[in-house]
Amino acid sequence: MELWELVAREAIRETVASYAHLVDSGRFDDVVELFTADGVLEVKGREPAVGHDGLRAFFRGVGDDLAETTTVPLIRHYTSNLSIDVVGPYEANARCYFLALTETGVDHWGRYRDRLVPHDDGRWRFASRFVRTDGVVPGGWAETRV
C-alpha cells in the first residue's frame, strides 16, 4: 500500500467520524460541508437530499423533529466495522454499520454506504451517502419517521 492511500484512508475515517459528531451536536452547516457541492444523501424510502441547500434543509428538519418529539433532543450515532475501498487517488467507497441512541436508549440501527472524493483542502467528502435503517425499537423516535 502506498503512502497516498494510507493518507486517504485516514482522511475518510475522519469524515465518517465527523459526520456522527456533527449531526449529534446539531452543527448542520458543518455536516453539509462534509459533502461535495452536488452531494447526495439518500435515506431508503425517502426523497434524496441533493446539494448543500437540500442537505441543510434535510438536517434541520430532522433536528426540528427531534426537538419537537422528545423531551431531551439528544441523539448519538455510533459507527462500527468501517470498511474502505480506495478505488484510486480520486475516489473511494466505504461502508459501515450504525447504531443510534436517544434519551430512552437504543432507537434504531442500520448501514451507511458511501462514495467519497478528495477535496482541494485535503479532506475527503461524501459525493453520496446511502442510509439504510435495518431496524427500529417499537415506540421509539425513529419508528415515527420510517
Foldseek 3Di string as FASTA:
>chain_A
DDPLVVLQVVLVVVLVVVLQVCLQVVVQLVNLVLADQQAWEAEPPDDIQTGSVSSSVVSVVVQVLLVVPDPDSGKGKDWDDWDKADPDQFKIKIKIKIWMADPVGTFWIWMKIFMWGADPVSHIHTNYIYTYIPDGDVPGSVVVVD
